[in-house]
C-alpha atoms as a PDB file:
ATOM      1  CA  MET A   1    -163.740  58.537   0.036  1.00  0.00           C
ATOM      2  CA  ILE A   2    -161.745  55.349   0.405  1.00  0.00           C
ATOM      3  CA  CYS A   3    -157.968  55.511   0.368  1.00  0.00           C
ATOM      4  CA  SER A   4    -156.481  53.320  -2.347  1.00  0.00           C
ATOM      5  CA  ASN A   5    -153.367  52.774  -0.217  1.00  0.00           C
ATOM      6  CA  CYS A   6    -154.751  51.673   3.162  1.00  0.00           C
ATOM      7  CA  GLY A   7    -158.463  51.147   2.435  1.00  0.00           C
ATOM      8  CA  LYS A   8    -159.670  53.460   5.232  1.00  0.00           C
ATOM      9  CA  THR A   9    -162.692  55.696   4.765  1.00  0.00           C
ATOM     10  CA  ASN A  10    -162.031  59.447   4.694  1.00  0.00           C
ATOM     11  CA  GLU A  11    -164.289  62.468   4.376  1.00  0.00           C
ATOM     12  CA  ASN A  12    -165.565  63.174   0.862  1.00  0.00           C
ATOM     13  CA  ASP A  13    -163.713  66.488   0.484  1.00  0.00           C
ATOM     14  CA  SER A  14    -160.318  65.109   1.609  1.00  0.00           C
ATOM     15  CA  ASN A  15    -157.307  65.333  -0.677  1.00  0.00           C
ATOM     16  CA  PHE A  16    -155.062  63.234   1.578  1.00  0.00           C
ATOM     17  CA  CYS A  17    -155.775  60.186   3.723  1.00  0.00           C
ATOM     18  CA  LYS A  18    -155.929  61.100   7.405  1.00  0.00           C
ATOM     19  CA  TYR A  19    -154.620  57.610   8.322  1.00  0.00           C
ATOM     20  CA  CYS A  20    -151.669  57.005   6.021  1.00  0.00           C
ATOM     21  CA  GLY A  21    -151.154  60.444   4.432  1.00  0.00           C
ATOM     22  CA  ASP A  22    -151.343  59.152   0.873  1.00  0.00           C
ATOM     23  CA  LYS A  23    -152.936  61.400  -1.759  1.00  0.00           C
ATOM     24  CA  ILE A  24    -156.509  60.383  -2.519  1.00  0.00           C
ATOM     25  CA  ASN A  25    -157.166  60.078  -6.232  1.00  0.00           C
ATOM     26  CA  LEU A  26    -160.701  61.371  -6.712  1.00  0.00           C
ATOM     27  CA  ALA A  27    -161.109  59.731 -10.118  1.00  0.00           C
ATOM     28  CA  ALA A  28    -160.040  56.274  -8.914  1.00  0.00           C
ATOM     29  CA  THR A  29    -162.085  56.265  -5.720  1.00  0.00           C
ATOM     30  CA  ASP A  30    -164.966  53.835  -5.973  1.00  0.00           C
ATOM     31  CA  PRO A  31    -167.188  53.338  -2.896  1.00  0.00           C
ATOM     32  CA  ASN A  32    -167.810  49.724  -3.922  1.00  0.00           C
ATOM     33  CA  HIS A  33    -164.097  48.993  -4.328  1.00  0.00           C
ATOM     34  CA  THR A  34    -162.587  46.735  -1.674  1.00  0.00           C
ATOM     35  CA  ILE A  35    -158.909  46.884  -0.801  1.00  0.00           C
ATOM     36  CA  PHE A  36    -157.508  43.373  -0.475  1.00  0.00           C
ATOM     37  CA  ASP A  37    -154.138  42.811   1.086  1.00  0.00           C
ATOM     38  CA  ARG A  38    -152.877  39.306   0.266  1.00  0.00           C
ATOM     39  CA  SER A  39    -150.640  39.190   3.342  1.00  0.00           C
ATOM     40  CA  TYR A  40    -153.800  38.971   5.463  1.00  0.00           C
ATOM     41  CA  GLN A  41    -155.543  36.412   3.303  1.00  0.00           C
ATOM     42  CA  VAL A  42    -157.535  34.062   5.498  1.00  0.00           C
ATOM     43  CA  LEU A  43    -157.557  30.370   4.727  1.00  0.00           C
ATOM     44  CA  SER A  44    -160.940  28.918   3.989  1.00  0.00           C
ATOM     45  CA  LYS A  45    -162.579  26.911   6.734  1.00  0.00           C
ATOM     46  CA  SER A  46    -162.046  23.665   4.832  1.00  0.00           C
ATOM     47  CA  ASN A  47    -158.276  24.304   4.651  1.00  0.00           C
ATOM     48  CA  MET A  48    -158.136  25.061   8.369  1.00  0.00           C
ATOM     49  CA  ASP A  49    -160.119  21.910   9.129  1.00  0.00           C
ATOM     50  CA  LEU A  50    -157.729  19.910   6.948  1.00  0.00           C
ATOM     51  CA  GLY A  51    -154.767  21.310   8.887  1.00  0.00           C
ATOM     52  CA  TYR A  52    -156.334  20.422  12.237  1.00  0.00           C
ATOM     53  CA  LEU A  53    -157.167  16.941  10.946  1.00  0.00           C
ATOM     54  CA  ILE A  54    -153.595  16.329   9.755  1.00  0.00           C
ATOM     55  CA  VAL A  55    -152.124  17.492  13.080  1.00  0.00           C
ATOM     56  CA  ALA A  56    -154.597  15.362  15.055  1.00  0.00           C
ATOM     57  CA  ILE A  57    -153.793  12.266  12.986  1.00  0.00           C
ATOM     58  CA  LEU A  58    -150.033  12.783  13.367  1.00  0.00           C
ATOM     59  CA  ILE A  59    -150.347  13.205  17.133  1.00  0.00           C
ATOM     60  CA  LEU A  60    -152.613  10.161  17.485  1.00  0.00           C
ATOM     61  CA  VAL A  61    -150.318   7.957  15.408  1.00  0.00           C
ATOM     62  CA  ASN A  62    -147.334   9.056  17.486  1.00  0.00           C
ATOM     63  CA  VAL A  63    -149.088   8.517  20.838  1.00  0.00           C
ATOM     64  CA  PHE A  64    -150.633   5.168  19.915  1.00  0.00           C
ATOM     65  CA  MET A  65    -147.372   3.927  18.437  1.00  0.00           C
ATOM     66  CA  TRP A  66    -145.626   4.408  21.795  1.00  0.00           C
ATOM     67  CA  PHE A  67    -148.651   3.120  23.722  1.00  0.00           C
ATOM     68  CA  PHE A  68    -148.731  -0.125  21.750  1.00  0.00           C
ATOM     69  CA  TRP A  69    -144.947  -0.424  21.942  1.00  0.00           C
ATOM     70  CA  SER A  70    -145.026  -0.265  25.746  1.00  0.00           C
ATOM     71  CA  PHE A  71    -148.142  -2.468  25.901  1.00  0.00           C
ATOM     72  CA  ILE A  72    -146.717  -5.198  23.673  1.00  0.00           C
ATOM     73  CA  PHE A  73    -143.018  -5.066  24.574  1.00  0.00           C
ATOM     74  CA  GLY A  74    -143.069  -3.186  27.891  1.00  0.00           C
ATOM     75  CA  GLY A  75    -142.531  -6.134  30.179  1.00  0.00           C
ATOM     76  CA  SER A  76    -140.041  -7.970  28.009  1.00  0.00           C
ATOM     77  CA  ASP A  77    -136.407  -7.332  27.258  1.00  0.00           C
ATOM     78  CA  ILE A  78    -136.069  -5.188  24.146  1.00  0.00           C
ATOM     79  CA  SER A  79    -132.449  -6.100  23.436  1.00  0.00           C
ATOM     80  CA  ASN A  80    -133.469  -8.478  20.666  1.00  0.00           C
ATOM     81  CA  LYS A  81    -135.789  -5.829  19.218  1.00  0.00           C
ATOM     82  CA  SER A  82    -133.282  -2.970  19.150  1.00  0.00           C
ATOM     83  CA  ILE A  83    -133.557  -2.400  15.404  1.00  0.00           C
ATOM     84  CA  LEU A  84    -137.346  -2.201  15.677  1.00  0.00           C
ATOM     85  CA  TYR A  85    -137.041   0.182  18.640  1.00  0.00           C
ATOM     86  CA  LYS A  86    -134.583   2.401  16.776  1.00  0.00           C
ATOM     87  CA  GLY A  87    -136.871   2.445  13.750  1.00  0.00           C
ATOM     88  CA  ILE A  88    -139.841   3.466  15.873  1.00  0.00           C
ATOM     89  CA  ARG A  89    -137.752   6.192  17.538  1.00  0.00           C
ATOM     90  CA  VAL A  90    -136.735   7.590  14.112  1.00  0.00           C
ATOM     91  CA  PHE A  91    -140.345   7.426  12.906  1.00  0.00           C
ATOM     92  CA  SER A  92    -141.581   9.154  16.070  1.00  0.00           C
ATOM     93  CA  THR A  93    -139.081  11.992  15.695  1.00  0.00           C
ATOM     94  CA  THR A  94    -140.094  12.406  12.058  1.00  0.00           C
ATOM     95  CA  LEU A  95    -143.767  12.571  13.076  1.00  0.00           C
ATOM     96  CA  SER A  96    -142.984  15.197  15.716  1.00  0.00           C
ATOM     97  CA  ILE A  97    -141.236  17.365  13.146  1.00  0.00           C
ATOM     98  CA  ALA A  98    -144.118  16.876  10.686  1.00  0.00           C
ATOM     99  CA  GLN A  99    -146.654  17.918  13.346  1.00  0.00           C
ATOM    100  CA  PHE A 100    -144.959  21.245  13.883  1.00  0.00           C
ATOM    101  CA  VAL A 101    -144.423  21.854  10.171  1.00  0.00           C
ATOM    102  CA  VAL A 102    -148.150  21.376   9.538  1.00  0.00           C
ATOM    103  CA  MET A 103    -149.030  23.604  12.499  1.00  0.00           C
ATOM    104  CA  PHE A 104    -146.642  26.279  11.266  1.00  0.00           C
ATOM    105  CA  ILE A 105    -148.124  26.167   7.748  1.00  0.00           C
ATOM    106  CA  PHE A 106    -151.749  26.449   8.826  1.00  0.00           C
ATOM    107  CA  VAL A 107    -151.339  29.116  11.536  1.00  0.00           C
ATOM    108  CA  LYS A 108    -151.425  32.639  10.137  1.00  0.00           C
ATOM    109  CA  GLN A 109    -151.023  34.815  13.243  1.00  0.00           C
ATOM    110  CA  PRO A 110    -147.363  35.774  13.761  1.00  0.00           C
ATOM    111  CA  SER A 111    -147.603  35.519  17.553  1.00  0.00           C
ATOM    112  CA  TYR A 112    -148.900  31.949  17.290  1.00  0.00           C
ATOM    113  CA  LYS A 113    -146.102  31.087  14.860  1.00  0.00           C
ATOM    114  CA  ILE A 114    -143.543  32.331  17.388  1.00  0.00           C
ATOM    115  CA  ILE A 115    -145.096  30.254  20.179  1.00  0.00           C
ATOM    116  CA  ILE A 116    -145.293  27.150  17.971  1.00  0.00           C
ATOM    117  CA  GLY A 117    -141.690  27.713  16.872  1.00  0.00           C
ATOM    118  CA  ILE A 118    -140.424  27.901  20.458  1.00  0.00           C
ATOM    119  CA  ILE A 119    -142.362  24.812  21.554  1.00  0.00           C
ATOM    120  CA  ALA A 120    -141.289  22.950  18.412  1.00  0.00           C
ATOM    121  CA  ALA A 121    -137.634  23.817  18.997  1.00  0.00           C
ATOM    122  CA  ILE A 122    -137.744  22.496  22.565  1.00  0.00           C
ATOM    123  CA  ILE A 123    -139.566  19.270  21.684  1.00  0.00           C
ATOM    124  CA  ILE A 124    -137.564  18.568  18.533  1.00  0.00           C
ATOM    125  CA  ILE A 125    -134.245  19.149  20.330  1.00  0.00           C
ATOM    126  CA  TYR A 126    -135.446  16.772  23.065  1.00  0.00           C
ATOM    127  CA  ASP A 127    -136.509  14.167  20.472  1.00  0.00           C
ATOM    128  CA  LEU A 128    -133.262  14.490  18.528  1.00  0.00           C
ATOM    129  CA  TYR A 129    -131.194  14.186  21.721  1.00  0.00           C
ATOM    130  CA  TYR A 130    -132.879  10.910  22.677  1.00  0.00           C
ATOM    131  CA  LEU A 131    -132.831   9.726  19.080  1.00  0.00           C
ATOM    132  CA  MET A 132    -129.049  10.200  18.990  1.00  0.00           C
ATOM    133  CA  GLN A 133    -128.713   8.363  22.304  1.00  0.00           C
ATOM    134  CA  THR A 134    -130.832   5.518  20.955  1.00  0.00           C
ATOM    135  CA  LEU A 135    -128.954   5.258  17.674  1.00  0.00           C
ATOM    136  CA  THR A 136    -125.505   5.393  19.268  1.00  0.00           C
ATOM    137  CA  SER A 137    -126.219   3.010  22.133  1.00  0.00           C
ATOM    138  CA  ALA A 138    -125.401  -0.655  21.748  1.00  0.00           C
ATOM    139  CA  TYR A 139    -128.283  -2.855  22.884  1.00  0.00           C
END
């Protein structure tokens, strides 16, 4: 007998589920019936791959943007490029936030969400702190 409440298998002569205590309805019990809890719905592999691809692209864009910035303008004075620098800093902070939002959406395990949330909070606070310094400083 399969419990209609928790989906666990019980002995055939049971009136109550030995796991959750719910009354087993003998008429409604179907051995081919599968209990499906939507809170544990697993994303299809293609959706997970899409999430990983989006995160990878966001990280690569962010890293290469700063790499090319330092490669092109690293040795020169950036005072005449302050508006460009501020724009890149705003864009970089936005990309960092987007990375963590995508990660948070595609991760389904609560413990991973907590870890991602803590790391995101630290990095986003750091990014916002330096963004505010950049935007308020006079070059």
